[in-house]
């Protein structure tokens, strides 16, 4: 059975997000969850319009939709990176102010003491990962960005899950082979839903120093491989060129070819992103 991925075009706002979710009947994915973590991409304190970080409007739409459709406790989460303090990013991007209006807490995963270690079966490079217990006991929405990445080629839903690791010095994982690390994480912490913020994407020297690209798109799906593959095709990138996508497909974590696109057609919204 083909994996369903929605592509919705529209001006920055809530409606394109709502429509993208309704097209994939997303509620089924959350039936057995009482807590949902919305994992944003805050590798920098730059604001959404640079194409570097998740747009608060996308997360606001997710919060509104979840509050209406899914009776679950909600959190917006990120962890510190080597060069970024997540708490400062929550403030600088406007995410914290928006969340406070809805009574939703922003969590910096680095500061959560209650952690668990997970064994990774059939691993690529990591035998285990250690994450906050709340991550293992929650559904996770990967609220990612549509952008290029100087090391992995593209940084979308699966790459965004790397930020669930609470370690500040994440560079050490790059030495293990970042594509392998991404697959290991997604093997045991597969996102329940992937929503890719393409209102403004980034091309060139992503994930931080590239150029913003106005795309006016939201891409969503419950299959992370299919969703990332679709986003790659929208950016004019062959998903088979992205090593972690191919590895995840080979491990049967999701589909690259058997995908049912609903909403816009790829060829109608496609734009070839510069890679360097």
C-alpha atoms as a PDB file:
ATOM      1  CA  UNK A   1       0.000   0.000   0.000  1.00  0.00           C
ATOM      2  CA  UNK A   2       1.380   3.390  -1.013  1.00  0.00           C
ATOM      3  CA  UNK A   3       2.335   5.936   1.637  1.00  0.00           C
ATOM      4  CA  UNK A   4       0.256   9.103   1.432  1.00  0.00           C
ATOM      5  CA  UNK A   5       1.994  12.516   1.446  1.00  0.00           C
ATOM      6  CA  UNK A   6       0.218  15.850   1.078  1.00  0.00           C
ATOM      7  CA  UNK A   7       1.584  18.925  -0.654  1.00  0.00           C
ATOM      8  CA  UNK A   8      -0.371  22.129  -0.059  1.00  0.00           C
ATOM      9  CA  UNK A   9       0.402  25.509  -1.560  1.00  0.00           C
ATOM     10  CA  UNK A  10      -0.766  28.667   0.184  1.00  0.00           C
ATOM     11  CA  UNK A  11       0.309  31.899   1.775  1.00  0.00           C
ATOM     12  CA  UNK A  12       1.877  31.755   5.238  1.00  0.00           C
ATOM     13  CA  UNK A  13      -0.888  31.015   7.707  1.00  0.00           C
ATOM     14  CA  UNK A  14      -2.814  28.262   9.461  1.00  0.00           C
ATOM     15  CA  UNK A  15      -5.021  27.073   6.608  1.00  0.00           C
ATOM     16  CA  UNK A  16      -2.327  25.370   4.482  1.00  0.00           C
ATOM     17  CA  UNK A  17      -1.212  23.398   7.561  1.00  0.00           C
ATOM     18  CA  UNK A  18      -4.789  22.412   8.416  1.00  0.00           C
ATOM     19  CA  UNK A  19      -5.427  21.298   4.841  1.00  0.00           C
ATOM     20  CA  UNK A  20      -2.184  19.310   4.628  1.00  0.00           C
ATOM     21  CA  UNK A  21      -3.120  17.402   7.794  1.00  0.00           C
ATOM     22  CA  UNK A  22      -6.719  16.764   6.732  1.00  0.00           C
ATOM     23  CA  UNK A  23      -5.589  15.374   3.368  1.00  0.00           C
ATOM     24  CA  UNK A  24      -3.656  12.581   5.094  1.00  0.00           C
ATOM     25  CA  UNK A  25      -6.249  11.911   7.836  1.00  0.00           C
ATOM     26  CA  UNK A  26      -3.511  12.439  10.407  1.00  0.00           C
ATOM     27  CA  UNK A  27      -5.676  11.746  13.485  1.00  0.00           C
ATOM     28  CA  UNK A  28      -5.307   7.965  13.107  1.00  0.00           C
ATOM     29  CA  UNK A  29      -1.600   8.245  13.937  1.00  0.00           C
ATOM     30  CA  UNK A  30      -2.357   9.715  17.368  1.00  0.00           C
ATOM     31  CA  UNK A  31      -5.082   7.367  18.575  1.00  0.00           C
ATOM     32  CA  UNK A  32      -3.060   5.740  21.367  1.00  0.00           C
ATOM     33  CA  UNK A  33      -0.993   8.716  22.536  1.00  0.00           C
ATOM     34  CA  UNK A  34      -1.677  10.948  25.526  1.00  0.00           C
ATOM     35  CA  UNK A  35       1.293  13.261  24.987  1.00  0.00           C
ATOM     36  CA  UNK A  36       2.659  14.884  21.825  1.00  0.00           C
ATOM     37  CA  UNK A  37       6.035  16.567  21.371  1.00  0.00           C
ATOM     38  CA  UNK A  38       6.380  19.023  18.484  1.00  0.00           C
ATOM     39  CA  UNK A  39      10.083  18.894  17.564  1.00  0.00           C
ATOM     40  CA  UNK A  40      11.148  22.148  15.921  1.00  0.00           C
ATOM     41  CA  UNK A  41      14.375  22.908  14.039  1.00  0.00           C
ATOM     42  CA  UNK A  42      16.356  25.533  15.976  1.00  0.00           C
ATOM     43  CA  UNK A  43      19.940  24.973  14.892  1.00  0.00           C
ATOM     44  CA  UNK A  44      20.299  28.773  15.109  1.00  0.00           C
ATOM     45  CA  UNK A  45      18.515  31.782  16.616  1.00  0.00           C
ATOM     46  CA  UNK A  46      17.725  33.135  13.142  1.00  0.00           C
ATOM     47  CA  UNK A  47      14.035  33.754  12.480  1.00  0.00           C
ATOM     48  CA  UNK A  48      11.737  31.780  10.159  1.00  0.00           C
ATOM     49  CA  UNK A  49      12.024  34.234   7.253  1.00  0.00           C
ATOM     50  CA  UNK A  50      15.705  33.333   6.776  1.00  0.00           C
ATOM     51  CA  UNK A  51      14.653  29.766   5.942  1.00  0.00           C
ATOM     52  CA  UNK A  52      16.766  28.424   8.802  1.00  0.00           C
ATOM     53  CA  UNK A  53      14.234  27.739  11.567  1.00  0.00           C
ATOM     54  CA  UNK A  54      10.715  26.384  11.955  1.00  0.00           C
ATOM     55  CA  UNK A  55       8.053  29.056  11.533  1.00  0.00           C
ATOM     56  CA  UNK A  56       6.019  29.714  14.722  1.00  0.00           C
ATOM     57  CA  UNK A  57       2.918  30.031  12.533  1.00  0.00           C
ATOM     58  CA  UNK A  58       3.311  26.391  11.457  1.00  0.00           C
ATOM     59  CA  UNK A  59       3.657  25.266  15.077  1.00  0.00           C
ATOM     60  CA  UNK A  60       0.720  27.455  16.110  1.00  0.00           C
ATOM     61  CA  UNK A  61      -1.413  25.759  13.459  1.00  0.00           C
ATOM     62  CA  UNK A  62      -0.306  22.343  14.741  1.00  0.00           C
ATOM     63  CA  UNK A  63      -1.187  23.323  18.312  1.00  0.00           C
ATOM     64  CA  UNK A  64      -4.640  24.564  17.287  1.00  0.00           C
ATOM     65  CA  UNK A  65      -5.309  21.469  15.219  1.00  0.00           C
ATOM     66  CA  UNK A  66      -4.120  19.070  17.920  1.00  0.00           C
ATOM     67  CA  UNK A  67      -6.114  20.829  20.640  1.00  0.00           C
ATOM     68  CA  UNK A  68      -9.249  20.395  18.510  1.00  0.00           C
ATOM     69  CA  UNK A  69      -8.641  16.855  17.243  1.00  0.00           C
ATOM     70  CA  UNK A  70      -6.299  15.014  19.642  1.00  0.00           C
ATOM     71  CA  UNK A  71      -6.905  14.948  23.420  1.00  0.00           C
ATOM     72  CA  UNK A  72      -3.220  14.992  24.322  1.00  0.00           C
ATOM     73  CA  UNK A  73      -0.778  16.991  26.423  1.00  0.00           C
ATOM     74  CA  UNK A  74       1.374  19.173  24.149  1.00  0.00           C
ATOM     75  CA  UNK A  75       4.986  20.371  24.324  1.00  0.00           C
ATOM     76  CA  UNK A  76       7.268  22.112  21.851  1.00  0.00           C
ATOM     77  CA  UNK A  77      10.788  20.697  22.137  1.00  0.00           C
ATOM     78  CA  UNK A  78      14.357  21.230  21.004  1.00  0.00           C
ATOM     79  CA  UNK A  79      17.782  20.619  22.528  1.00  0.00           C
ATOM     80  CA  UNK A  80      20.969  22.668  22.599  1.00  0.00           C
ATOM     81  CA  UNK A  81      23.355  22.247  19.694  1.00  0.00           C
ATOM     82  CA  UNK A  82      27.088  22.877  19.629  1.00  0.00           C
ATOM     83  CA  UNK A  83      26.597  26.514  18.670  1.00  0.00           C
ATOM     84  CA  UNK A  84      23.022  27.164  19.774  1.00  0.00           C
ATOM     85  CA  UNK A  85      21.196  27.507  23.075  1.00  0.00           C
ATOM     86  CA  UNK A  86      17.666  26.190  22.548  1.00  0.00           C
ATOM     87  CA  UNK A  87      16.193  28.456  25.241  1.00  0.00           C
ATOM     88  CA  UNK A  88      17.596  31.537  23.483  1.00  0.00           C
ATOM     89  CA  UNK A  89      16.264  30.233  20.168  1.00  0.00           C
ATOM     90  CA  UNK A  90      12.765  29.766  21.618  1.00  0.00           C
ATOM     91  CA  UNK A  91      12.878  33.454  22.629  1.00  0.00           C
ATOM     92  CA  UNK A  92      14.559  34.910  19.539  1.00  0.00           C
ATOM     93  CA  UNK A  93      12.305  33.152  17.016  1.00  0.00           C
ATOM     94  CA  UNK A  94       9.057  34.165  18.731  1.00  0.00           C
ATOM     95  CA  UNK A  95       8.214  30.532  19.478  1.00  0.00           C
ATOM     96  CA  UNK A  96       8.108  30.973  23.252  1.00  0.00           C
ATOM     97  CA  UNK A  97       5.771  33.964  23.099  1.00  0.00           C
ATOM     98  CA  UNK A  98       3.412  32.089  20.789  1.00  0.00           C
ATOM     99  CA  UNK A  99       3.436  28.966  22.973  1.00  0.00           C
ATOM    100  CA  UNK A 100       2.705  30.981  26.098  1.00  0.00           C
ATOM    101  CA  UNK A 101      -0.473  32.291  24.459  1.00  0.00           C
ATOM    102  CA  UNK A 102      -1.695  28.709  24.129  1.00  0.00           C
ATOM    103  CA  UNK A 103      -0.446  27.451  27.484  1.00  0.00           C
ATOM    104  CA  UNK A 104       2.082  25.140  25.819  1.00  0.00           C
ATOM    105  CA  UNK A 105       5.510  24.695  27.409  1.00  0.00           C
ATOM    106  CA  UNK A 106       8.760  24.908  25.448  1.00  0.00           C
ATOM    107  CA  UNK A 107      11.155  22.200  26.651  1.00  0.00           C
ATOM    108  CA  UNK A 108      14.930  22.226  26.235  1.00  0.00           C
ATOM    109  CA  UNK A 109      15.618  18.485  26.257  1.00  0.00           C
ATOM    110  CA  UNK A 110      19.185  19.001  27.417  1.00  0.00           C
ATOM    111  CA  UNK A 111      17.955  19.992  30.888  1.00  0.00           C
ATOM    112  CA  UNK A 112      15.687  16.995  31.529  1.00  0.00           C
ATOM    113  CA  UNK A 113      17.369  14.705  34.050  1.00  0.00           C
ATOM    114  CA  UNK A 114      15.107  11.661  33.712  1.00  0.00           C
ATOM    115  CA  UNK A 115      16.722   9.813  30.805  1.00  0.00           C
ATOM    116  CA  UNK A 116      16.648   6.329  29.339  1.00  0.00           C
ATOM    117  CA  UNK A 117      19.072   4.409  27.140  1.00  0.00           C
ATOM    118  CA  UNK A 118      17.673   2.651  24.062  1.00  0.00           C
ATOM    119  CA  UNK A 119      19.391  -0.219  22.256  1.00  0.00           C
ATOM    120  CA  UNK A 120      19.405   0.128  18.475  1.00  0.00           C
ATOM    121  CA  UNK A 121      18.719  -3.148  16.636  1.00  0.00           C
ATOM    122  CA  UNK A 122      20.556  -3.793  13.379  1.00  0.00           C
ATOM    123  CA  UNK A 123      22.444  -0.538  13.967  1.00  0.00           C
ATOM    124  CA  UNK A 124      24.502   1.459  11.487  1.00  0.00           C
ATOM    125  CA  UNK A 125      26.981   3.017  13.944  1.00  0.00           C
ATOM    126  CA  UNK A 126      25.381   3.684  17.351  1.00  0.00           C
ATOM    127  CA  UNK A 127      24.724   0.713  19.622  1.00  0.00           C
ATOM    128  CA  UNK A 128      22.562   2.838  21.938  1.00  0.00           C
ATOM    129  CA  UNK A 129      21.241   6.370  22.355  1.00  0.00           C
ATOM    130  CA  UNK A 130      20.284   8.125  25.580  1.00  0.00           C
ATOM    131  CA  UNK A 131      17.302  10.481  25.500  1.00  0.00           C
ATOM    132  CA  UNK A 132      14.842  12.009  27.980  1.00  0.00           C
ATOM    133  CA  UNK A 133      12.224   9.460  29.022  1.00  0.00           C
ATOM    134  CA  UNK A 134       9.461  11.833  27.869  1.00  0.00           C
ATOM    135  CA  UNK A 135      10.660  11.358  24.272  1.00  0.00           C
ATOM    136  CA  UNK A 136      10.113   7.589  24.440  1.00  0.00           C
ATOM    137  CA  UNK A 137       6.675   7.996  26.018  1.00  0.00           C
ATOM    138  CA  UNK A 138       5.282  10.542  23.547  1.00  0.00           C
ATOM    139  CA  UNK A 139       4.235  10.843  19.943  1.00  0.00           C
ATOM    140  CA  UNK A 140       6.679  13.098  18.106  1.00  0.00           C
ATOM    141  CA  UNK A 141       5.850  15.492  15.289  1.00  0.00           C
ATOM    142  CA  UNK A 142       8.938  16.421  13.309  1.00  0.00           C
ATOM    143  CA  UNK A 143       8.184  20.058  12.416  1.00  0.00           C
ATOM    144  CA  UNK A 144      11.069  20.426  10.024  1.00  0.00           C
ATOM    145  CA  UNK A 145      12.265  22.920   7.405  1.00  0.00           C
ATOM    146  CA  UNK A 146      12.530  22.589   3.644  1.00  0.00           C
ATOM    147  CA  UNK A 147      16.248  23.210   3.214  1.00  0.00           C
ATOM    148  CA  UNK A 148      19.563  21.976   1.922  1.00  0.00           C
ATOM    149  CA  UNK A 149      22.425  20.773   4.115  1.00  0.00           C
ATOM    150  CA  UNK A 150      26.129  21.000   3.345  1.00  0.00           C
ATOM    151  CA  UNK A 151      26.838  17.530   4.786  1.00  0.00           C
ATOM    152  CA  UNK A 152      23.707  15.460   4.236  1.00  0.00           C
ATOM    153  CA  UNK A 153      22.395  17.160   1.088  1.00  0.00           C
ATOM    154  CA  UNK A 154      18.986  17.899   2.581  1.00  0.00           C
ATOM    155  CA  UNK A 155      17.735  18.458   6.119  1.00  0.00           C
ATOM    156  CA  UNK A 156      14.092  17.514   6.454  1.00  0.00           C
ATOM    157  CA  UNK A 157      11.984  15.404   8.821  1.00  0.00           C
ATOM    158  CA  UNK A 158      14.373  12.551   9.650  1.00  0.00           C
ATOM    159  CA  UNK A 159      17.405  14.792  10.102  1.00  0.00           C
ATOM    160  CA  UNK A 160      15.331  16.966  12.456  1.00  0.00           C
ATOM    161  CA  UNK A 161      14.953  13.976  14.807  1.00  0.00           C
ATOM    162  CA  UNK A 162      18.715  14.162  15.476  1.00  0.00           C
ATOM    163  CA  UNK A 163      17.914  17.136  17.721  1.00  0.00           C
ATOM    164  CA  UNK A 164      16.110  14.859  20.190  1.00  0.00           C
ATOM    165  CA  UNK A 165      19.525  13.840  21.526  1.00  0.00           C
ATOM    166  CA  UNK A 166      20.148  15.959  24.631  1.00  0.00           C
ATOM    167  CA  UNK A 167      23.925  16.235  24.126  1.00  0.00           C
ATOM    168  CA  UNK A 168      25.090  19.794  23.490  1.00  0.00           C
ATOM    169  CA  UNK A 169      28.241  18.785  21.637  1.00  0.00           C
ATOM    170  CA  UNK A 170      26.538  17.072  18.736  1.00  0.00           C
ATOM    171  CA  UNK A 171      29.615  17.383  16.523  1.00  0.00           C
ATOM    172  CA  UNK A 172      30.865  14.113  18.033  1.00  0.00           C
ATOM    173  CA  UNK A 173      28.034  12.296  16.247  1.00  0.00           C
ATOM    174  CA  UNK A 174      29.126  13.726  12.902  1.00  0.00           C
ATOM    175  CA  UNK A 175      32.417  11.877  13.307  1.00  0.00           C
ATOM    176  CA  UNK A 176      30.443   8.617  13.394  1.00  0.00           C
ATOM    177  CA  UNK A 177      28.913   9.383   9.982  1.00  0.00           C
ATOM    178  CA  UNK A 178      25.897  11.663  10.278  1.00  0.00           C
ATOM    179  CA  UNK A 179      23.802   9.750   7.734  1.00  0.00           C
ATOM    180  CA  UNK A 180      24.254   6.535   9.730  1.00  0.00           C
ATOM    181  CA  UNK A 181      23.417   8.350  12.978  1.00  0.00           C
ATOM    182  CA  UNK A 182      20.194   9.745  11.494  1.00  0.00           C
ATOM    183  CA  UNK A 183      19.079   6.247  10.448  1.00  0.00           C
ATOM    184  CA  UNK A 184      19.898   4.790  13.872  1.00  0.00           C
ATOM    185  CA  UNK A 185      17.838   7.473  15.626  1.00  0.00           C
ATOM    186  CA  UNK A 186      14.863   7.021  13.299  1.00  0.00           C
ATOM    187  CA  UNK A 187      15.019   3.251  13.739  1.00  0.00           C
ATOM    188  CA  UNK A 188      14.027   3.605  17.405  1.00  0.00           C
ATOM    189  CA  UNK A 189      12.457   7.091  17.454  1.00  0.00           C
ATOM    190  CA  UNK A 190      10.369   7.216  14.301  1.00  0.00           C
ATOM    191  CA  UNK A 191       8.271  10.404  14.062  1.00  0.00           C
ATOM    192  CA  UNK A 192       4.536   9.853  14.329  1.00  0.00           C
ATOM    193  CA  UNK A 193       3.986  12.681  11.852  1.00  0.00           C
ATOM    194  CA  UNK A 194       6.298  14.787   9.700  1.00  0.00           C
ATOM    195  CA  UNK A 195       5.285  18.336   8.758  1.00  0.00           C
ATOM    196  CA  UNK A 196       7.785  20.197   6.596  1.00  0.00           C
ATOM    197  CA  UNK A 197       7.611  23.979   6.749  1.00  0.00           C
ATOM    198  CA  UNK A 198       8.136  25.195   3.209  1.00  0.00           C
ATOM    199  CA  UNK A 199       6.612  28.644   3.523  1.00  0.00           C
ATOM    200  CA  UNK A 200      10.202  29.861   3.263  1.00  0.00           C
ATOM    201  CA  UNK A 201      12.850  27.244   2.507  1.00  0.00           C
ATOM    202  CA  UNK A 202      16.627  27.504   2.224  1.00  0.00           C
ATOM    203  CA  UNK A 203      18.983  26.696  -0.645  1.00  0.00           C
ATOM    204  CA  UNK A 204      22.741  26.855  -0.953  1.00  0.00           C
ATOM    205  CA  UNK A 205      24.875  26.604   2.178  1.00  0.00           C
ATOM    206  CA  UNK A 206      22.265  25.121   4.490  1.00  0.00           C
ATOM    207  CA  UNK A 207      21.334  24.441   7.183  1.00  0.00           C
ATOM    208  CA  UNK A 208      22.193  27.934   8.514  1.00  0.00           C
ATOM    209  CA  UNK A 209      24.052  30.080   5.979  1.00  0.00           C
ATOM    210  CA  UNK A 210      22.062  29.514   2.795  1.00  0.00           C
ATOM    211  CA  UNK A 211      19.628  31.793   1.000  1.00  0.00           C
ATOM    212  CA  UNK A 212      15.884  31.975   1.724  1.00  0.00           C
ATOM    213  CA  UNK A 213      13.492  30.682  -0.944  1.00  0.00           C
ATOM    214  CA  UNK A 214       9.817  31.664  -0.967  1.00  0.00           C
ATOM    215  CA  UNK A 215       7.928  28.421  -1.663  1.00  0.00           C
ATOM    216  CA  UNK A 216       4.543  28.842   0.111  1.00  0.00           C
ATOM    217  CA  UNK A 217       4.332  25.089   0.744  1.00  0.00           C
ATOM    218  CA  UNK A 218       3.502  22.619   3.497  1.00  0.00           C
ATOM    219  CA  UNK A 219       4.409  18.946   3.019  1.00  0.00           C
ATOM    220  CA  UNK A 220       3.048  16.353   5.475  1.00  0.00           C
ATOM    221  CA  UNK A 221       2.920  12.600   5.971  1.00  0.00           C
ATOM    222  CA  UNK A 222       3.076   9.828   8.550  1.00  0.00           C
ATOM    223  CA  UNK A 223       5.783   7.934   6.626  1.00  0.00           C
ATOM    224  CA  UNK A 224       8.999   9.890   7.301  1.00  0.00           C
ATOM    225  CA  UNK A 225      10.907   8.397   4.367  1.00  0.00           C
ATOM    226  CA  UNK A 226       8.102   9.098   1.905  1.00  0.00           C
ATOM    227  CA  UNK A 227       7.636  12.628   3.249  1.00  0.00           C
ATOM    228  CA  UNK A 228      11.348  13.439   3.024  1.00  0.00           C
ATOM    229  CA  UNK A 229      11.571  11.840  -0.428  1.00  0.00           C
ATOM    230  CA  UNK A 230       8.683  13.982  -1.634  1.00  0.00           C
ATOM    231  CA  UNK A 231      10.273  17.126  -0.192  1.00  0.00           C
ATOM    232  CA  UNK A 232      13.535  16.249  -1.976  1.00  0.00           C
ATOM    233  CA  UNK A 233      11.713  15.949  -5.278  1.00  0.00           C
ATOM    234  CA  UNK A 234      10.055  19.316  -4.675  1.00  0.00           C
ATOM    235  CA  UNK A 235      13.580  20.756  -4.241  1.00  0.00           C
ATOM    236  CA  UNK A 236      14.755  19.101  -7.449  1.00  0.00           C
ATOM    237  CA  UNK A 237      16.875  16.579  -5.547  1.00  0.00           C
ATOM    238  CA  UNK A 238      16.864  12.841  -6.252  1.00  0.00           C
ATOM    239  CA  UNK A 239      16.080  11.254  -2.844  1.00  0.00           C
ATOM    240  CA  UNK A 240      18.384   8.344  -3.729  1.00  0.00           C
ATOM    241  CA  UNK A 241      21.264  10.843  -3.554  1.00  0.00           C
ATOM    242  CA  UNK A 242      20.529  11.482   0.145  1.00  0.00           C
ATOM    243  CA  UNK A 243      22.286   8.673   1.974  1.00  0.00           C
ATOM    244  CA  UNK A 244      20.160   8.607   5.107  1.00  0.00           C
ATOM    245  CA  UNK A 245      16.962   8.458   3.046  1.00  0.00           C
ATOM    246  CA  UNK A 246      18.266   5.538   0.985  1.00  0.00           C
ATOM    247  CA  UNK A 247      19.546   3.722   4.085  1.00  0.00           C
ATOM    248  CA  UNK A 248      16.200   4.217   5.850  1.00  0.00           C
ATOM    249  CA  UNK A 249      14.358   2.887   2.802  1.00  0.00           C
ATOM    250  CA  UNK A 250      16.626  -0.173   2.668  1.00  0.00           C
ATOM    251  CA  UNK A 251      15.827  -0.810   6.336  1.00  0.00           C
ATOM    252  CA  UNK A 252      12.107  -0.622   5.518  1.00  0.00           C
ATOM    253  CA  UNK A 253      11.516   2.485   7.621  1.00  0.00           C
ATOM    254  CA  UNK A 254       9.403   3.927   4.816  1.00  0.00           C
ATOM    255  CA  UNK A 255       8.878   4.304   1.069  1.00  0.00           C
ATOM    256  CA  UNK A 256      10.736   6.191  -1.660  1.00  0.00           C
ATOM    257  CA  UNK A 257       8.699   5.101  -4.699  1.00  0.00           C
ATOM    258  CA  UNK A 258       5.343   3.781  -3.479  1.00  0.00           C
ATOM    259  CA  UNK A 259       3.953   7.225  -2.594  1.00  0.00           C
ATOM    260  CA  UNK A 260       0.480   8.641  -3.183  1.00  0.00           C
ATOM    261  CA  UNK A 261       0.766  12.421  -3.533  1.00  0.00           C
ATOM    262  CA  UNK A 262      -2.383  14.340  -2.576  1.00  0.00           C
ATOM    263  CA  UNK A 263      -2.969  18.064  -2.994  1.00  0.00           C
ATOM    264  CA  UNK A 264      -0.542  19.728  -5.388  1.00  0.00           C
ATOM    265  CA  UNK A 265       1.459  17.790  -7.970  1.00  0.00           C
ATOM    266  CA  UNK A 266       5.229  17.801  -7.516  1.00  0.00           C
ATOM    267  CA  UNK A 267       5.814  19.120 -11.027  1.00  0.00           C
ATOM    268  CA  UNK A 268       3.551  22.126 -10.337  1.00  0.00           C
ATOM    269  CA  UNK A 269       5.475  23.267  -7.249  1.00  0.00           C
ATOM    270  CA  UNK A 270       9.000  22.015  -7.983  1.00  0.00           C
ATOM    271  CA  UNK A 271      11.966  24.380  -7.883  1.00  0.00           C
ATOM    272  CA  UNK A 272      15.586  23.276  -8.269  1.00  0.00           C
ATOM    273  CA  UNK A 273      17.402  24.300  -5.087  1.00  0.00           C
ATOM    274  CA  UNK A 274      21.058  25.277  -5.268  1.00  0.00           C
ATOM    275  CA  UNK A 275      23.071  22.764  -3.268  1.00  0.00           C
ATOM    276  CA  UNK A 276      26.227  24.751  -2.382  1.00  0.00           C
END
